[in-house]
Amino acid sequence: MSPDVETPTSTRTPYLQFLYRIMFFLAAIVVARFVLEIAGTPEPVTRYVSLNAGIFFAAIYLAAIAPLRGGMGRFRQLLLPSLLISAWSVGWVILATIVAAVLRLERSHFADRADYGNWGHLGQHLLDHVIEIGVFFVLVLVIMTIVHLTWRWPVTVAPAAVLGGLVIMRYWVEAMGAPPPAAAAWSSTIGVLVSAVYLGGLGPRLGLTTGRQLLVPSLVVAFAWRVWIFLATLLSALVPFYKTHFFDPTGGRVALRLVRFVAGGVLVEGLIAGLIVWGIAVWISRATRPPEPA
């Protein structure tokens, strides 16, 4: 190559580089679980290396950070990333399923024994995974939309994202059969109180210097928390083989109970929690305000 010829520089934007790292993380979860299973790691350990939980965390993280990297500033810009990470994640699951079926890896949960040498059964199994792309797409889009909406009040993005992560962790450890005391350690209620302190401490630095200016962000954080709880409740109702404290589908009248939860658990409790968060935020804001010069 002539020394006068310059090599082209990378055209990747910070947003694309950020998205690629998230995709690598999701692929690494599938590979890690596959390797751990083949190595003989007990199932109670490997099931915590879960793509289901990982993709939800990735959705929250992507929606919270992408606007800072020059991407996803508008709602329609959420559609393609939601579909991309859903298809990418399921694609790795399909690959692991094929490898486990062809090599008859009995230690791996990805392929059923009925898949071994039975191409029809394996094809149906892979088709089920393809359908999962649509399910993940809807869930990921909803999760990203919740975080995306909080960007209208930037001070609320971090608390809403953290609260979503806590609810996901609580749901997942309970679904995996963790003891109640261990699952309770992921309490989002405590997270709401910490969020109130966060709003009161950071709000004035972002121009929210009065109680009136802190009211709407406080309500946003509280209602975001209750919406996260509702999503966990809805999943518990629709996926009954995962036992969580959020909802017990064996009680019957599922639709009516969900409607009641929206009215009481989201709207009423969200308003009450918002006022509590507001009171704490105002108190912290005034307590940490530097004294005016004499």
Protein backbone atom coordinates (compact mmCIF):
# COMPACT_ATOMS: atom_id res chain seq x y z
CA MET A 1 0.00 0.00 0.00
CA SER A 2 1.25 3.44 -0.89
CA PRO A 3 2.17 5.56 2.13
CA ASP A 4 0.07 8.37 0.64
CA VAL A 5 -3.13 6.33 0.91
CA GLU A 6 -5.00 6.92 4.17
CA THR A 7 -6.96 4.13 5.78
CA PRO A 8 -10.61 5.05 6.36
CA THR A 9 -11.58 5.84 9.90
CA SER A 10 -14.39 4.04 11.67
CA THR A 11 -17.86 5.30 10.77
CA ARG A 12 -19.50 3.80 13.85
CA THR A 13 -21.35 6.34 15.91
CA PRO A 14 -21.22 6.19 19.72
CA TYR A 15 -24.81 4.89 19.65
CA LEU A 16 -23.97 1.98 17.34
CA GLN A 17 -20.92 1.08 19.41
CA PHE A 18 -23.11 1.12 22.51
CA LEU A 19 -25.74 -1.07 20.80
CA TYR A 20 -23.07 -3.55 19.70
CA ARG A 21 -21.86 -3.91 23.29
CA ILE A 22 -25.39 -4.71 24.44
CA MET A 23 -25.73 -7.32 21.69
CA PHE A 24 -22.42 -8.85 22.75
CA PHE A 25 -23.68 -9.01 26.34
CA LEU A 26 -26.83 -10.88 25.29
CA ALA A 27 -24.87 -13.33 23.18
CA ALA A 28 -22.46 -13.88 26.07
CA ILE A 29 -25.33 -14.87 28.37
CA VAL A 30 -26.43 -17.66 26.02
CA VAL A 31 -22.87 -18.88 25.46
CA ALA A 32 -22.08 -18.75 29.19
CA ARG A 33 -25.13 -20.82 30.10
CA PHE A 34 -24.41 -23.32 27.33
CA VAL A 35 -20.79 -23.77 28.45
CA LEU A 36 -21.72 -24.02 32.13
CA GLU A 37 -24.30 -26.71 31.39
CA ILE A 38 -21.90 -28.73 29.26
CA ALA A 39 -19.31 -28.43 32.02
CA GLY A 40 -21.75 -30.05 34.44
CA THR A 41 -22.69 -27.03 36.55
CA PRO A 42 -25.81 -27.84 38.62
CA GLU A 43 -29.11 -26.65 37.14
CA PRO A 44 -30.02 -24.51 40.21
CA VAL A 45 -26.95 -22.42 39.36
CA THR A 46 -27.18 -22.26 35.56
CA ARG A 47 -30.82 -21.19 35.52
CA TYR A 48 -29.82 -17.88 37.06
CA VAL A 49 -27.75 -17.20 33.93
CA SER A 50 -30.98 -16.26 32.18
CA LEU A 51 -31.43 -14.62 28.81
CA ASN A 52 -35.01 -13.73 29.75
CA ALA A 53 -33.86 -11.50 32.59
CA GLY A 54 -30.82 -10.31 30.65
CA ILE A 55 -32.81 -8.99 27.71
CA PHE A 56 -35.08 -7.00 30.03
CA PHE A 57 -32.08 -5.45 31.76
CA ALA A 58 -30.61 -4.69 28.35
CA ALA A 59 -33.84 -2.97 27.28
CA ILE A 60 -33.83 -0.71 30.36
CA TYR A 61 -30.15 0.10 29.98
CA LEU A 62 -30.47 0.81 26.25
CA ALA A 63 -33.44 3.14 26.67
CA ALA A 64 -31.76 4.98 29.56
CA ILE A 65 -28.35 5.50 27.94
CA ALA A 66 -28.95 5.58 24.17
CA PRO A 67 -30.16 9.22 24.08
CA LEU A 68 -26.82 10.20 25.60
CA ARG A 69 -25.07 8.41 22.72
CA GLY A 70 -27.01 10.16 19.98
CA GLY A 71 -29.74 7.57 19.42
CA MET A 72 -33.40 6.82 20.18
CA GLY A 73 -34.52 10.38 20.68
CA ARG A 74 -38.01 9.68 19.33
CA PHE A 75 -40.49 6.88 19.97
CA ARG A 76 -40.34 5.46 16.45
CA GLN A 77 -36.60 5.00 16.92
CA LEU A 78 -37.36 2.37 19.59
CA LEU A 79 -38.94 -0.05 17.12
CA LEU A 80 -35.86 -1.23 15.24
CA PRO A 81 -33.61 -1.71 18.33
CA SER A 82 -36.44 -3.62 20.06
CA LEU A 83 -36.78 -5.97 17.10
CA LEU A 84 -33.02 -6.22 16.64
CA ILE A 85 -32.11 -7.28 20.16
CA SER A 86 -35.11 -9.64 20.31
CA ALA A 87 -34.19 -11.40 17.06
CA TRP A 88 -30.48 -11.39 17.95
CA SER A 89 -31.09 -12.96 21.36
CA VAL A 90 -33.45 -15.65 20.08
CA GLY A 91 -31.06 -16.33 17.20
CA TRP A 92 -28.36 -17.32 19.67
CA VAL A 93 -30.85 -19.56 21.49
CA ILE A 94 -31.71 -21.23 18.18
CA LEU A 95 -28.02 -21.77 17.44
CA ALA A 96 -27.44 -23.32 20.86
CA THR A 97 -30.51 -25.53 20.39
CA ILE A 98 -29.26 -26.82 17.03
CA VAL A 99 -25.79 -27.56 18.39
CA ALA A 100 -27.18 -29.34 21.44
CA ALA A 101 -29.58 -31.41 19.31
CA VAL A 102 -27.06 -32.39 16.63
CA LEU A 103 -24.36 -33.32 19.15
CA ARG A 104 -26.91 -34.89 21.54
CA LEU A 105 -25.67 -32.86 24.51
CA GLU A 106 -27.91 -34.20 27.25
CA ARG A 107 -26.55 -31.81 29.87
CA SER A 108 -27.86 -28.81 27.94
CA HIS A 109 -31.43 -27.65 28.47
CA PHE A 110 -31.56 -25.97 25.06
CA ALA A 111 -32.56 -29.14 23.17
CA ASP A 112 -35.06 -31.78 24.26
CA ARG A 113 -34.19 -35.43 23.98
CA ALA A 114 -37.03 -35.73 21.49
CA ASP A 115 -35.02 -33.39 19.21
CA TYR A 116 -32.18 -35.91 18.86
CA GLY A 117 -32.34 -37.34 15.34
CA ASN A 118 -35.94 -36.14 14.90
CA TRP A 119 -35.77 -33.25 12.45
CA GLY A 120 -39.52 -32.70 12.50
CA HIS A 121 -39.59 -32.27 16.25
CA LEU A 122 -36.47 -30.10 16.16
CA GLY A 123 -38.05 -27.94 13.45
CA GLN A 124 -41.16 -27.42 15.58
CA HIS A 125 -38.96 -26.55 18.55
CA LEU A 126 -37.09 -23.96 16.48
CA LEU A 127 -40.38 -22.55 15.17
CA ASP A 128 -41.51 -22.00 18.77
CA HIS A 129 -38.35 -19.97 19.32
CA VAL A 130 -39.03 -17.92 16.20
CA ILE A 131 -42.46 -17.05 17.60
CA GLU A 132 -40.71 -15.92 20.78
CA ILE A 133 -39.13 -13.10 18.78
CA GLY A 134 -42.53 -11.42 18.57
CA VAL A 135 -43.18 -11.91 22.28
CA PHE A 136 -39.80 -10.48 23.24
CA PHE A 137 -40.29 -7.61 20.80
CA VAL A 138 -43.51 -6.53 22.49
CA LEU A 139 -42.08 -6.83 26.01
CA VAL A 140 -38.83 -5.07 25.12
CA LEU A 141 -40.72 -2.27 23.35
CA VAL A 142 -42.98 -1.73 26.38
CA ILE A 143 -40.01 -1.66 28.76
CA MET A 144 -38.06 0.73 26.56
CA THR A 145 -41.11 2.96 26.16
CA ILE A 146 -41.49 3.36 29.92
CA VAL A 147 -37.90 4.52 30.29
CA HIS A 148 -38.10 6.60 27.11
CA LEU A 149 -41.07 8.59 28.46
CA THR A 150 -39.11 9.58 31.55
CA TRP A 151 -36.62 11.43 29.35
CA ARG A 152 -39.10 14.34 29.32
CA TRP A 153 -37.87 14.85 32.91
CA PRO A 154 -34.18 13.82 32.75
CA VAL A 155 -33.79 13.76 36.54
CA THR A 156 -36.27 10.84 36.65
CA VAL A 157 -34.50 8.57 34.15
CA ALA A 158 -32.00 7.00 36.55
CA PRO A 159 -34.52 6.36 39.38
CA ALA A 160 -37.06 4.85 36.96
CA ALA A 161 -34.41 2.61 35.41
CA VAL A 162 -33.12 1.42 38.79
CA LEU A 163 -36.65 0.71 40.03
CA GLY A 164 -37.32 -1.32 36.89
CA GLY A 165 -34.15 -3.31 37.51
CA LEU A 166 -35.15 -4.02 41.11
CA VAL A 167 -38.61 -5.23 40.09
CA ILE A 168 -37.11 -7.50 37.42
CA MET A 169 -34.64 -8.94 39.92
CA ARG A 170 -37.37 -9.52 42.51
CA TYR A 171 -39.59 -11.22 39.94
CA TRP A 172 -36.84 -13.40 38.56
CA VAL A 173 -35.32 -14.63 41.82
CA GLU A 174 -38.80 -15.51 43.04
CA ALA A 175 -39.55 -17.29 39.77
CA MET A 176 -36.34 -19.27 40.18
CA GLY A 177 -37.47 -20.43 43.62
CA ALA A 178 -35.28 -18.28 45.86
CA PRO A 179 -36.32 -18.19 49.54
CA PRO A 180 -38.61 -15.26 50.40
CA PRO A 181 -36.03 -13.52 52.66
CA ALA A 182 -33.49 -13.57 49.82
CA ALA A 183 -36.02 -12.33 47.27
CA ALA A 184 -37.21 -9.57 49.61
CA ALA A 185 -33.70 -8.12 49.57
CA TRP A 186 -34.52 -6.78 46.09
CA SER A 187 -37.22 -4.51 47.50
CA SER A 188 -38.30 -1.79 45.08
CA THR A 189 -40.13 -0.06 47.95
CA ILE A 190 -36.79 0.81 49.49
CA GLY A 191 -35.68 1.86 46.02
CA VAL A 192 -38.50 4.42 45.85
CA LEU A 193 -37.39 6.02 49.11
CA VAL A 194 -33.80 6.18 47.85
CA SER A 195 -35.13 7.72 44.62
CA ALA A 196 -36.79 10.45 46.68
CA VAL A 197 -33.47 11.30 48.30
CA TYR A 198 -31.87 11.29 44.84
CA LEU A 199 -34.44 13.72 43.48
CA GLY A 200 -34.01 16.06 46.42
CA GLY A 201 -30.24 16.00 46.18
CA LEU A 202 -29.82 16.24 42.40
CA GLY A 203 -32.93 18.20 41.44
CA PRO A 204 -31.65 21.64 42.52
CA ARG A 205 -28.47 21.07 40.52
CA LEU A 206 -30.64 20.61 37.43
CA GLY A 207 -32.71 23.71 38.07
CA LEU A 208 -35.50 22.17 40.18
CA THR A 209 -35.17 24.57 43.08
CA THR A 210 -38.76 24.83 44.33
CA GLY A 211 -41.27 22.37 45.70
CA ARG A 212 -43.56 22.97 42.74
CA GLN A 213 -40.77 22.03 40.30
CA LEU A 214 -40.11 18.78 42.18
CA LEU A 215 -43.76 17.69 42.22
CA VAL A 216 -44.06 16.34 38.67
CA PRO A 217 -40.72 14.43 38.73
CA SER A 218 -41.75 12.88 42.04
CA LEU A 219 -45.05 11.71 40.57
CA VAL A 220 -43.29 10.40 37.46
CA VAL A 221 -40.93 8.27 39.54
CA ALA A 222 -43.78 6.93 41.67
CA PHE A 223 -46.03 6.06 38.74
CA ALA A 224 -43.10 4.50 36.85
CA TRP A 225 -42.53 2.29 39.89
CA ARG A 226 -46.18 1.21 39.99
CA VAL A 227 -46.17 0.51 36.24
CA TRP A 228 -43.11 -1.74 36.72
CA ILE A 229 -45.01 -3.54 39.48
CA PHE A 230 -48.02 -3.91 37.19
CA LEU A 231 -45.89 -5.46 34.45
CA ALA A 232 -44.51 -8.00 36.94
CA THR A 233 -48.06 -8.66 38.12
CA LEU A 234 -49.26 -9.14 34.55
CA LEU A 235 -46.42 -11.56 33.78
CA SER A 236 -47.20 -13.52 36.94
CA ALA A 237 -50.82 -13.78 35.77
CA LEU A 238 -50.00 -14.77 32.20
CA VAL A 239 -47.11 -17.14 33.02
CA PRO A 240 -48.54 -19.15 35.94
CA PHE A 241 -45.69 -21.68 36.13
CA TYR A 242 -43.51 -18.91 37.61
CA LYS A 243 -44.56 -18.47 41.25
CA THR A 244 -44.09 -14.94 42.57
CA HIS A 245 -45.64 -12.77 45.25
CA PHE A 246 -46.83 -10.27 42.66
CA PHE A 247 -49.91 -12.28 41.66
CA ASP A 248 -51.44 -15.67 42.46
CA PRO A 249 -53.40 -16.85 39.40
CA THR A 250 -54.92 -19.75 41.33
CA GLY A 251 -57.31 -17.30 42.99
CA GLY A 252 -59.40 -17.04 39.81
CA ARG A 253 -61.07 -13.91 38.34
CA VAL A 254 -57.72 -12.95 36.83
CA ALA A 255 -59.00 -10.18 34.53
CA LEU A 256 -61.10 -8.52 37.23
CA ARG A 257 -58.24 -8.61 39.73
CA LEU A 258 -55.88 -7.07 37.19
CA VAL A 259 -58.34 -4.25 36.50
CA ARG A 260 -58.66 -3.64 40.23
CA PHE A 261 -54.90 -3.57 40.55
CA VAL A 262 -54.64 -0.90 37.84
CA ALA A 263 -57.17 1.25 39.70
CA GLY A 264 -55.80 0.71 43.19
CA GLY A 265 -52.24 -0.54 42.82
CA VAL A 266 -51.21 1.80 40.01
CA LEU A 267 -53.36 4.93 40.10
CA VAL A 268 -54.15 5.32 43.80
CA GLU A 269 -50.91 3.91 45.22
CA GLY A 270 -48.93 5.76 42.56
CA LEU A 271 -50.45 9.05 43.66
CA ILE A 272 -49.86 8.35 47.35
CA ALA A 273 -46.28 7.21 46.70
CA GLY A 274 -45.69 10.28 44.54
CA LEU A 275 -46.73 12.62 47.32
CA ILE A 276 -44.47 10.78 49.77
CA VAL A 277 -41.56 10.98 47.32
CA TRP A 278 -42.30 14.66 46.80
CA GLY A 279 -42.27 15.38 50.53
CA ILE A 280 -38.93 13.61 51.01
CA ALA A 281 -37.45 15.27 47.93
CA VAL A 282 -38.45 18.75 49.09
CA TRP A 283 -37.07 18.06 52.55
CA ILE A 284 -33.73 16.82 51.17
CA SER A 285 -33.58 19.74 48.76
CA ARG A 286 -33.99 22.27 51.54
CA ALA A 287 -31.72 20.43 53.97
CA THR A 288 -28.86 20.28 51.47
CA ARG A 289 -29.28 23.78 50.09
CA PRO A 290 -26.13 25.83 50.70
CA PRO A 291 -26.63 28.79 53.04
CA GLU A 292 -27.15 32.10 51.34
CA PRO A 293 -24.27 34.53 51.71
CA ALA A 294 -24.79 37.12 54.44
